[in-house]
C-alpha atoms as a PDB file:
ATOM      1  CA  MET A   1       9.063 -11.023  23.890  1.00  0.00           C
ATOM      2  CA  HIS A   2       6.619 -13.080  22.304  1.00  0.00           C
ATOM      3  CA  PRO A   3       7.774 -16.401  20.559  1.00  0.00           C
ATOM      4  CA  ILE A   4       6.059 -14.979  17.227  1.00  0.00           C
ATOM      5  CA  LEU A   5       7.716 -11.524  17.809  1.00  0.00           C
ATOM      6  CA  GLU A   6      10.896 -13.242  18.097  1.00  0.00           C
ATOM      7  CA  ASN A   7      10.744 -15.400  15.428  1.00  0.00           C
ATOM      8  CA  GLY A   8       9.379 -12.667  13.071  1.00  0.00           C
ATOM      9  CA  SER A   9      12.302 -10.279  13.679  1.00  0.00           C
ATOM     10  CA  ASN A  10      14.790 -13.210  13.308  1.00  0.00           C
ATOM     11  CA  PHE A  11      13.399 -13.497  10.008  1.00  0.00           C
ATOM     12  CA  ILE A  12      13.240  -9.732   9.083  1.00  0.00           C
ATOM     13  CA  TRP A  13      16.946  -9.376  10.234  1.00  0.00           C
ATOM     14  CA  LYS A  14      17.903 -12.450   8.120  1.00  0.00           C
ATOM     15  CA  ASN A  15      15.966 -11.683   4.359  1.00  0.00           C
ATOM     16  CA  ALA A  16      14.640  -7.431   4.790  1.00  0.00           C
ATOM     17  CA  ARG A  17      15.652  -4.704   3.167  1.00  0.00           C
ATOM     18  CA  LEU A  18      17.158  -1.565   5.025  1.00  0.00           C
ATOM     19  CA  LEU A  19      13.571   0.393   4.618  1.00  0.00           C
ATOM     20  CA  GLU A  20      11.385  -2.455   6.517  1.00  0.00           C
ATOM     21  CA  ARG A  21      14.165  -2.870   9.272  1.00  0.00           C
ATOM     22  CA  ALA A  22      13.834   0.558  10.253  1.00  0.00           C
ATOM     23  CA  ILE A  23       9.883   0.403   9.818  1.00  0.00           C
ATOM     24  CA  PHE A  24      10.319  -2.741  12.373  1.00  0.00           C
ATOM     25  CA  GLU A  25      12.870  -0.844  14.412  1.00  0.00           C
ATOM     26  CA  TYR A  26      10.322   2.858  14.518  1.00  0.00           C
ATOM     27  CA  TYR A  27       7.679  -0.010  15.645  1.00  0.00           C
ATOM     28  CA  PHE A  28       8.854  -2.621  18.085  1.00  0.00           C
ATOM     29  CA  LEU A  29      12.581  -1.013  19.103  1.00  0.00           C
ATOM     30  CA  ASP A  30      11.819   2.761  19.385  1.00  0.00           C
ATOM     31  CA  GLY A  31      13.376   3.957  16.504  1.00  0.00           C
ATOM     32  CA  SER A  32      13.118   6.639  14.801  1.00  0.00           C
ATOM     33  CA  PRO A  33      10.806   8.002  11.955  1.00  0.00           C
ATOM     34  CA  ASP A  34      13.904   9.818  10.898  1.00  0.00           C
ATOM     35  CA  ARG A  35      15.324   7.355   9.595  1.00  0.00           C
ATOM     36  CA  ILE A  36      12.394   5.725   7.629  1.00  0.00           C
ATOM     37  CA  LEU A  37      12.417   8.995   5.427  1.00  0.00           C
ATOM     38  CA  SER A  38      15.754   9.375   4.906  1.00  0.00           C
ATOM     39  CA  ILE A  39      15.861   5.561   3.404  1.00  0.00           C
ATOM     40  CA  LEU A  40      12.452   6.571   1.413  1.00  0.00           C
ATOM     41  CA  ARG A  41      14.379   9.477   0.203  1.00  0.00           C
ATOM     42  CA  ILE A  42      17.162   7.522  -1.373  1.00  0.00           C
ATOM     43  CA  TYR A  43      14.505   5.776  -3.136  1.00  0.00           C
ATOM     44  CA  GLN A  44      12.829   9.205  -5.155  1.00  0.00           C
ATOM     45  CA  ASN A  45      14.577  10.013  -7.753  1.00  0.00           C
ATOM     46  CA  PRO A  46      15.168  14.177  -9.433  1.00  0.00           C
ATOM     47  CA  ASP A  47      12.144  13.859 -11.249  1.00  0.00           C
ATOM     48  CA  GLY A  48       9.971  13.413  -8.284  1.00  0.00           C
ATOM     49  CA  GLY A  49       8.691   9.674  -8.876  1.00  0.00           C
ATOM     50  CA  PHE A  50       9.908   6.906  -7.398  1.00  0.00           C
ATOM     51  CA  GLY A  51      12.603   3.778  -8.127  1.00  0.00           C
ATOM     52  CA  ASP A  52      14.692   0.986  -7.434  1.00  0.00           C
ATOM     53  CA  ALA A  53      12.135  -1.785  -7.408  1.00  0.00           C
ATOM     54  CA  ILE A  54      10.728  -0.701  -4.436  1.00  0.00           C
ATOM     55  CA  GLU A  55       8.298  -2.452  -4.949  1.00  0.00           C
ATOM     56  CA  PRO A  56       9.581  -5.405  -5.802  1.00  0.00           C
ATOM     57  CA  ASP A  57       8.010  -7.340  -8.703  1.00  0.00           C
ATOM     58  CA  LEU A  58       9.332  -4.553 -10.596  1.00  0.00           C
ATOM     59  CA  ARG A  59      12.936  -4.248 -11.067  1.00  0.00           C
ATOM     60  CA  ALA A  60      13.436  -1.061 -12.778  1.00  0.00           C
ATOM     61  CA  VAL A  61      15.500   1.864 -11.449  1.00  0.00           C
ATOM     62  CA  ASP A  62      13.487   4.718 -13.215  1.00  0.00           C
ATOM     63  CA  SER A  63      10.166   6.358 -11.939  1.00  0.00           C
ATOM     64  CA  GLN A  64       7.240   4.233 -11.963  1.00  0.00           C
ATOM     65  CA  PRO A  65       3.403   5.720 -10.703  1.00  0.00           C
ATOM     66  CA  LEU A  66       3.388   2.033  -8.892  1.00  0.00           C
ATOM     67  CA  PHE A  67       6.028   3.097  -7.185  1.00  0.00           C
ATOM     68  CA  VAL A  68       4.733   6.201  -6.187  1.00  0.00           C
ATOM     69  CA  GLU A  69       1.858   4.719  -4.706  1.00  0.00           C
ATOM     70  CA  PHE A  70       4.042   1.815  -2.643  1.00  0.00           C
ATOM     71  CA  ALA A  71       6.427   4.821  -1.293  1.00  0.00           C
ATOM     72  CA  PHE A  72       3.127   6.924   0.272  1.00  0.00           C
ATOM     73  CA  ARG A  73       1.426   3.943   1.047  1.00  0.00           C
ATOM     74  CA  THR A  74       4.274   3.090   3.458  1.00  0.00           C
ATOM     75  CA  LEU A  75       3.969   6.483   4.441  1.00  0.00           C
ATOM     76  CA  TYR A  76       0.342   6.161   5.465  1.00  0.00           C
ATOM     77  CA  ASP A  77       0.370   3.444   6.612  1.00  0.00           C
ATOM     78  CA  CYS A  78       3.542   4.536   9.460  1.00  0.00           C
ATOM     79  CA  GLN A  79       1.375   7.721   9.400  1.00  0.00           C
ATOM     80  CA  LEU A  80       4.607   9.761   8.543  1.00  0.00           C
ATOM     81  CA  ARG A  81       4.296  12.780   6.681  1.00  0.00           C
ATOM     82  CA  ASP A  82       6.806  14.664   4.616  1.00  0.00           C
ATOM     83  CA  VAL A  83       5.849  17.558   2.777  1.00  0.00           C
ATOM     84  CA  ASP A  84       8.852  17.861   0.143  1.00  0.00           C
ATOM     85  CA  MET A  85       8.782  14.507  -1.158  1.00  0.00           C
ATOM     86  CA  ALA A  86       5.336  14.714  -1.481  1.00  0.00           C
ATOM     87  CA  TYR A  87       5.090  17.498  -3.397  1.00  0.00           C
ATOM     88  CA  ARG A  88       8.103  15.979  -5.280  1.00  0.00           C
ATOM     89  CA  ALA A  89       5.682  13.592  -6.071  1.00  0.00           C
ATOM     90  CA  CYS A  90       3.199  15.460  -7.144  1.00  0.00           C
ATOM     91  CA  ASP A  91       5.518  16.936 -10.054  1.00  0.00           C
ATOM     92  CA  PHE A  92       5.783  14.036 -11.202  1.00  0.00           C
ATOM     93  CA  ILE A  93       2.099  12.394 -10.715  1.00  0.00           C
ATOM     94  CA  SER A  94       1.225  15.525 -12.330  1.00  0.00           C
ATOM     95  CA  HIS A  95       2.764  15.302 -15.483  1.00  0.00           C
ATOM     96  CA  TYR A  96       1.758  11.855 -16.642  1.00  0.00           C
ATOM     97  CA  SER A  97      -1.723  12.049 -15.928  1.00  0.00           C
ATOM     98  CA  ASP A  98      -5.094  12.567 -17.444  1.00  0.00           C
ATOM     99  CA  LEU A  99      -7.728  14.085 -15.512  1.00  0.00           C
ATOM    100  CA  THR A 100     -10.318  12.543 -17.782  1.00  0.00           C
ATOM    101  CA  LYS A 101      -8.077   9.252 -18.355  1.00  0.00           C
ATOM    102  CA  GLY A 102      -5.827   8.887 -15.187  1.00  0.00           C
ATOM    103  CA  ILE A 103      -2.132   7.740 -15.147  1.00  0.00           C
ATOM    104  CA  PRO A 104      -0.855   4.331 -15.727  1.00  0.00           C
ATOM    105  CA  THR A 105       0.062   1.830 -13.779  1.00  0.00           C
ATOM    106  CA  LEU A 106       3.657   1.457 -15.150  1.00  0.00           C
ATOM    107  CA  LEU A 107       5.396   3.050 -18.201  1.00  0.00           C
ATOM    108  CA  PRO A 108       6.829   2.240 -21.130  1.00  0.00           C
ATOM    109  CA  SER A 109      10.568   2.368 -19.571  1.00  0.00           C
ATOM    110  CA  SER A 110       9.387  -0.791 -16.848  1.00  0.00           C
ATOM    111  CA  GLN A 111       9.247  -3.265 -19.538  1.00  0.00           C
ATOM    112  CA  THR A 112      13.049  -3.332 -20.137  1.00  0.00           C
ATOM    113  CA  PHE A 113      13.263  -4.828 -16.359  1.00  0.00           C
ATOM    114  CA  PRO A 114      12.686  -7.770 -15.036  1.00  0.00           C
ATOM    115  CA  ARG A 115       9.198  -8.318 -13.856  1.00  0.00           C
ATOM    116  CA  ALA A 116       6.865 -10.710 -11.873  1.00  0.00           C
ATOM    117  CA  ASP A 117       4.183 -12.845 -14.235  1.00  0.00           C
ATOM    118  CA  HIS A 118       1.541 -10.489 -13.560  1.00  0.00           C
ATOM    119  CA  MET A 119       2.873  -7.683 -14.798  1.00  0.00           C
ATOM    120  CA  LEU A 120       3.311  -8.771 -17.921  1.00  0.00           C
ATOM    121  CA  HIS A 121       0.011  -8.022 -19.314  1.00  0.00           C
ATOM    122  CA  SER A 122      -0.037  -4.861 -21.730  1.00  0.00           C
ATOM    123  CA  GLY A 123      -3.176  -3.044 -19.276  1.00  0.00           C
ATOM    124  CA  TRP A 124      -0.747  -2.636 -16.577  1.00  0.00           C
ATOM    125  CA  LEU A 125       0.626   0.519 -19.210  1.00  0.00           C
ATOM    126  CA  GLU A 126      -3.483   1.445 -19.676  1.00  0.00           C
ATOM    127  CA  PRO A 127      -3.866   5.070 -17.845  1.00  0.00           C
ATOM    128  CA  THR A 128      -7.186   4.390 -15.349  1.00  0.00           C
ATOM    129  CA  MET A 129      -8.597   6.769 -13.356  1.00  0.00           C
ATOM    130  CA  ASP A 130      -9.047   3.805 -10.118  1.00  0.00           C
ATOM    131  CA  ARG A 131      -4.863   3.871  -9.784  1.00  0.00           C
ATOM    132  CA  LEU A 132      -5.070   7.534  -9.885  1.00  0.00           C
ATOM    133  CA  VAL A 133      -7.490   8.029  -7.918  1.00  0.00           C
ATOM    134  CA  GLY A 134      -5.433   6.533  -4.553  1.00  0.00           C
ATOM    135  CA  LEU A 135      -2.554   8.440  -6.014  1.00  0.00           C
ATOM    136  CA  VAL A 136      -3.988  11.445  -5.423  1.00  0.00           C
ATOM    137  CA  GLY A 137      -5.633  10.365  -2.162  1.00  0.00           C
ATOM    138  CA  MET A 138      -2.122   9.610  -0.965  1.00  0.00           C
ATOM    139  CA  LEU A 139      -0.921  12.516  -1.683  1.00  0.00           C
ATOM    140  CA  ASN A 140      -3.879  14.686  -0.185  1.00  0.00           C
ATOM    141  CA  TRP A 141      -3.206  13.162   2.784  1.00  0.00           C
ATOM    142  CA  GLN A 142      -0.063  14.048   3.334  1.00  0.00           C
ATOM    143  CA  GLY A 143      -1.385  18.135   3.370  1.00  0.00           C
ATOM    144  CA  ILE A 144       0.894  19.479   0.513  1.00  0.00           C
ATOM    145  CA  GLN A 145      -0.439  22.361  -1.174  1.00  0.00           C
ATOM    146  CA  HIS A 146       0.927  21.995  -5.050  1.00  0.00           C
ATOM    147  CA  PRO A 147      -1.511  24.013  -7.426  1.00  0.00           C
ATOM    148  CA  TRP A 148      -2.051  20.755  -9.985  1.00  0.00           C
ATOM    149  CA  LEU A 149      -3.929  18.876  -6.532  1.00  0.00           C
ATOM    150  CA  PRO A 150      -6.797  20.743  -5.863  1.00  0.00           C
ATOM    151  CA  THR A 151      -8.438  19.986  -9.384  1.00  0.00           C
ATOM    152  CA  ALA A 152      -6.851  16.904  -9.370  1.00  0.00           C
ATOM    153  CA  VAL A 153      -9.260  16.002  -6.047  1.00  0.00           C
ATOM    154  CA  GLU A 154     -12.040  16.974  -7.692  1.00  0.00           C
ATOM    155  CA  ALA A 155     -11.698  14.886 -10.380  1.00  0.00           C
ATOM    156  CA  CYS A 156     -11.339  11.817  -9.016  1.00  0.00           C
ATOM    157  CA  LEU A 157     -14.164  12.507  -5.772  1.00  0.00           C
ATOM    158  CA  GLN A 158     -16.307  12.621  -9.380  1.00  0.00           C
ATOM    159  CA  HIS A 159     -15.324   9.443 -10.355  1.00  0.00           C
ATOM    160  CA  LEU A 160     -15.504   7.714  -7.145  1.00  0.00           C
ATOM    161  CA  VAL A 161     -19.482   9.018  -7.632  1.00  0.00           C
ATOM    162  CA  SER A 162     -19.921   7.062 -10.773  1.00  0.00           C
ATOM    163  CA  ALA A 163     -17.499   3.964 -10.994  1.00  0.00           C
ATOM    164  CA  LYS A 164     -17.720   0.659 -10.374  1.00  0.00           C
ATOM    165  CA  TYR A 165     -14.828  -0.536  -8.619  1.00  0.00           C
ATOM    166  CA  ASP A 166     -13.993  -4.228  -8.640  1.00  0.00           C
ATOM    167  CA  ASP A 167     -10.519  -4.668  -7.535  1.00  0.00           C
ATOM    168  CA  SER A 168      -9.259  -4.389  -3.870  1.00  0.00           C
ATOM    169  CA  HIS A 169      -6.349  -3.108  -4.177  1.00  0.00           C
ATOM    170  CA  THR A 170      -7.620   0.448  -5.667  1.00  0.00           C
ATOM    171  CA  ILE A 171      -9.979   0.400  -3.289  1.00  0.00           C
ATOM    172  CA  LEU A 172      -7.853  -0.089  -0.999  1.00  0.00           C
ATOM    173  CA  THR A 173      -6.373   3.167  -1.960  1.00  0.00           C
ATOM    174  CA  ALA A 174      -9.237   4.808  -3.067  1.00  0.00           C
ATOM    175  CA  PHE A 175     -10.430   5.023   0.692  1.00  0.00           C
ATOM    176  CA  CYS A 176      -6.788   7.456   1.098  1.00  0.00           C
ATOM    177  CA  LEU A 177      -8.880  10.130  -0.534  1.00  0.00           C
ATOM    178  CA  VAL A 178     -11.970   9.868   0.917  1.00  0.00           C
ATOM    179  CA  GLU A 179     -10.384   9.568   3.983  1.00  0.00           C
ATOM    180  CA  SER A 180      -8.078  13.130   3.144  1.00  0.00           C
ATOM    181  CA  VAL A 181     -11.318  15.120   2.171  1.00  0.00           C
ATOM    182  CA  SER A 182     -13.297  13.822   5.326  1.00  0.00           C
ATOM    183  CA  LYS A 183     -13.054  16.605   7.477  1.00  0.00           C
ATOM    184  CA  LEU A 184     -14.099  19.663   4.578  1.00  0.00           C
ATOM    185  CA  LYS A 185     -16.611  17.705   2.883  1.00  0.00           C
ATOM    186  CA  PRO A 186     -19.029  15.495   3.818  1.00  0.00           C
ATOM    187  CA  VAL A 187     -18.314  11.866   2.399  1.00  0.00           C
ATOM    188  CA  ASP A 188     -20.233   9.119   4.297  1.00  0.00           C
ATOM    189  CA  HIS A 189     -21.568   7.979   1.090  1.00  0.00           C
ATOM    190  CA  LEU A 190     -18.161   7.806  -1.152  1.00  0.00           C
ATOM    191  CA  PHE A 191     -17.179   5.182   1.916  1.00  0.00           C
ATOM    192  CA  ASP A 192     -20.520   3.408   1.962  1.00  0.00           C
ATOM    193  CA  LYS A 193     -20.260   3.015  -1.655  1.00  0.00           C
ATOM    194  CA  LEU A 194     -16.425   1.815  -1.178  1.00  0.00           C
ATOM    195  CA  ALA A 195     -16.927  -0.563   1.299  1.00  0.00           C
ATOM    196  CA  GLN A 196     -20.177  -1.949  -0.695  1.00  0.00           C
ATOM    197  CA  ASP A 197     -17.911  -2.034  -3.720  1.00  0.00           C
ATOM    198  CA  LEU A 198     -14.694  -4.824  -1.804  1.00  0.00           C
ATOM    199  CA  LEU A 199     -17.659  -7.050  -0.836  1.00  0.00           C
ATOM    200  CA  LYS A 200     -17.821  -7.882  -4.012  1.00  0.00           C
ATOM    201  CA  ALA A 201     -14.369  -6.901  -5.387  1.00  0.00           C
ATOM    202  CA  ASN A 202     -11.687  -9.497  -7.297  1.00  0.00           C
ATOM    203  CA  TYR A 203      -8.999 -10.487  -4.630  1.00  0.00           C
ATOM    204  CA  PHE A 204     -10.669  -9.890  -1.505  1.00  0.00           C
ATOM    205  CA  CYS A 205     -10.755 -12.578   0.927  1.00  0.00           C
ATOM    206  CA  LEU A 206     -13.367 -11.888   3.411  1.00  0.00           C
ATOM    207  CA  GLU A 207     -13.484 -15.897   5.032  1.00  0.00           C
ATOM    208  CA  VAL A 208     -10.755 -17.623   5.904  1.00  0.00           C
ATOM    209  CA  PRO A 209      -9.230 -19.418   5.679  1.00  0.00           C
ATOM    210  CA  ILE A 210      -6.459 -17.747   3.292  1.00  0.00           C
ATOM    211  CA  LYS A 211      -5.686 -20.814   0.078  1.00  0.00           C
ATOM    212  CA  THR A 212      -4.857 -18.428  -2.069  1.00  0.00           C
ATOM    213  CA  TYR A 213      -3.721 -14.667  -2.979  1.00  0.00           C
ATOM    214  CA  GLY A 214      -5.834 -11.465  -1.961  1.00  0.00           C
ATOM    215  CA  LEU A 215      -6.795  -8.885   0.272  1.00  0.00           C
ATOM    216  CA  THR A 216      -8.240  -9.128   4.116  1.00  0.00           C
ATOM    217  CA  PRO A 217     -10.100  -7.229   5.944  1.00  0.00           C
ATOM    218  CA  LEU A 218      -6.680  -6.516   8.002  1.00  0.00           C
ATOM    219  CA  ASN A 219      -4.964  -4.719   5.217  1.00  0.00           C
ATOM    220  CA  PHE A 220      -8.357  -2.297   5.712  1.00  0.00           C
ATOM    221  CA  ALA A 221      -7.970  -2.150   9.353  1.00  0.00           C
ATOM    222  CA  PRO A 222      -4.593  -2.994  10.160  1.00  0.00           C
ATOM    223  CA  THR A 223      -5.042  -1.401  13.813  1.00  0.00           C
ATOM    224  CA  PRO A 224      -7.660  -1.347  16.227  1.00  0.00           C
ATOM    225  CA  THR A 225      -7.533   2.580  14.826  1.00  0.00           C
ATOM    226  CA  SER A 226      -7.835   2.023  11.465  1.00  0.00           C
ATOM    227  CA  TYR A 227     -10.041   4.282   9.323  1.00  0.00           C
ATOM    228  CA  CYS A 228     -12.340   1.252   7.572  1.00  0.00           C
ATOM    229  CA  ARG A 229     -12.278  -0.781  10.850  1.00  0.00           C
ATOM    230  CA  ARG A 230     -15.378  -0.096  11.268  1.00  0.00           C
ATOM    231  CA  ILE A 231     -16.811  -2.147   8.008  1.00  0.00           C
ATOM    232  CA  PHE A 232     -15.815  -5.359   9.896  1.00  0.00           C
ATOM    233  CA  THR A 233     -17.659  -7.379  12.606  1.00  0.00           C
ATOM    234  CA  ASP A 234     -15.205  -8.128  15.483  1.00  0.00           C
ATOM    235  CA  ALA A 235     -15.967 -11.540  14.532  1.00  0.00           C
ATOM    236  CA  GLN A 236     -14.677 -11.124  10.930  1.00  0.00           C
ATOM    237  CA  ILE A 237     -11.185  -9.235  12.320  1.00  0.00           C
ATOM    238  CA  ASN A 238     -10.637 -11.537  15.125  1.00  0.00           C
ATOM    239  CA  ALA A 239     -11.397 -14.966  12.540  1.00  0.00           C
ATOM    240  CA  HIS A 240      -8.383 -12.960  10.581  1.00  0.00           C
ATOM    241  CA  LEU A 241      -5.655 -12.745  13.294  1.00  0.00           C
ATOM    242  CA  ASP A 242      -6.210 -15.924  13.928  1.00  0.00           C
ATOM    243  CA  GLU A 243      -5.741 -17.695  10.714  1.00  0.00           C
ATOM    244  CA  LEU A 244      -2.805 -14.436  10.491  1.00  0.00           C
ATOM    245  CA  ILE A 245      -0.901 -16.336  13.255  1.00  0.00           C
ATOM    246  CA  THR A 246      -1.562 -19.875  12.038  1.00  0.00           C
ATOM    247  CA  GLN A 247      -0.006 -18.348   8.507  1.00  0.00           C
ATOM    248  CA  GLN A 248       3.650 -18.007  10.610  1.00  0.00           C
ATOM    249  CA  GLN A 249       5.810 -20.716   8.997  1.00  0.00           C
ATOM    250  CA  PRO A 250       8.514 -22.492  10.782  1.00  0.00           C
ATOM    251  CA  ASP A 251      11.457 -20.184   9.602  1.00  0.00           C
ATOM    252  CA  GLY A 252       9.921 -17.228  11.236  1.00  0.00           C
ATOM    253  CA  GLY A 253       8.550 -15.513   7.990  1.00  0.00           C
ATOM    254  CA  TRP A 254       4.878 -14.805   6.665  1.00  0.00           C
ATOM    255  CA  PRO A 255       4.447 -16.496   3.218  1.00  0.00           C
ATOM    256  CA  ILE A 256       3.607 -15.014  -0.070  1.00  0.00           C
ATOM    257  CA  PHE A 257       0.889 -16.810  -2.679  1.00  0.00           C
ATOM    258  CA  TRP A 258       2.268 -15.603  -6.227  1.00  0.00           C
ATOM    259  CA  ASN A 259       5.736 -16.008  -8.321  1.00  0.00           C
ATOM    260  CA  PRO A 260       8.161 -12.898  -7.697  1.00  0.00           C
ATOM    261  CA  PRO A 261      10.950 -12.181 -10.130  1.00  0.00           C
ATOM    262  CA  SER A 262      13.775 -13.644  -7.952  1.00  0.00           C
ATOM    263  CA  GLU A 263      14.570 -15.335  -4.947  1.00  0.00           C
ATOM    264  CA  MET A 264      15.641 -11.523  -4.155  1.00  0.00           C
ATOM    265  CA  ALA A 265      12.403 -10.230  -4.750  1.00  0.00           C
ATOM    266  CA  ARG A 266      10.706 -13.092  -2.383  1.00  0.00           C
ATOM    267  CA  CYS A 267      12.555 -12.392   0.236  1.00  0.00           C
ATOM    268  CA  GLU A 268      12.037  -8.875   0.016  1.00  0.00           C
ATOM    269  CA  TRP A 269       7.977  -9.377   0.091  1.00  0.00           C
ATOM    270  CA  ARG A 270       8.086 -12.082   2.456  1.00  0.00           C
ATOM    271  CA  ALA A 271       9.863  -9.510   4.772  1.00  0.00           C
ATOM    272  CA  GLN A 272       7.318  -7.248   4.484  1.00  0.00           C
ATOM    273  CA  TRP A 273       4.454  -9.185   5.126  1.00  0.00           C
ATOM    274  CA  THR A 274       5.976 -10.849   7.771  1.00  0.00           C
ATOM    275  CA  LEU A 275       6.445  -6.741   9.366  1.00  0.00           C
ATOM    276  CA  HIS A 276       3.000  -5.798   8.139  1.00  0.00           C
ATOM    277  CA  ALA A 277       1.890  -9.271   9.943  1.00  0.00           C
ATOM    278  CA  LEU A 278       3.614  -8.551  13.250  1.00  0.00           C
ATOM    279  CA  VAL A 279       2.435  -4.988  13.265  1.00  0.00           C
ATOM    280  CA  THR A 280      -0.753  -5.555  13.140  1.00  0.00           C
ATOM    281  CA  LEU A 281      -1.201  -8.140  15.520  1.00  0.00           C
ATOM    282  CA  HIS A 282       0.849  -5.951  17.852  1.00  0.00           C
ATOM    283  CA  ALA A 283      -1.873  -3.745  17.163  1.00  0.00           C
ATOM    284  CA  TYR A 284      -4.823  -5.440  18.461  1.00  0.00           C
ATOM    285  CA  GLY A 285      -2.869  -7.258  21.797  1.00  0.00           C
ATOM    286  CA  ARG A 286      -2.461 -10.672  20.053  1.00  0.00           C
ATOM    287  CA  ILE A 287       1.370 -10.324  20.519  1.00  0.00           C
END
């Protein structure tokens, strides 16, 4: 076993949640995808949303739009689909959405639970179309036939045409919508628009070294076959792969660049970032 992978796996065994352990097993130990799906079902609440701090920066037990995004980004990254899980989640998202205003990242119920400092801003409670676009995209990528979804897809595509995106996080999920309709509609203009928005977006780190929090080209192209890989040059990807290797800590894990709400949350996040680093380095043949 490559030393980077060996040290990273030890960190995961010591610190990761059951979900990230199952994903590690799926990629590196011939683990079953059904195990990942079974664990995600535990996080899904009766209303179709997801809870129980699946996104570690908010320790809420009830369903939140942000939690749905986390769950389906996990499925997207693993290239897994679950029609029943997605249909139920679409029920939840459609209930809290307005196709002219969007959806809030967090519901008011979230305010009674511990959360990271960056979630204290009231803007997290305001509906936005940018957040809805990503959620709709990931649900549409799942291939479900939900009565609300086609109208939502069209509304979100219209928003993409006219809106200027300035946050790399919502651009990351917006690409899922473009990808999900790419076999049915001409979307090159939307792909190119998002790619241009990304280069000027907040929280995007195109250059190395990385000294602060932000998404990098490897978040958008974690494998050589990723939908967004063509945005970046080989030199840019290789520079970030080199940088990613240097970021591994003596304990085997990768650092995070923000303050989570607890030490448990810190361990959970570091394990997730370690998992993503190992999967990416393996996909590009570095380990």
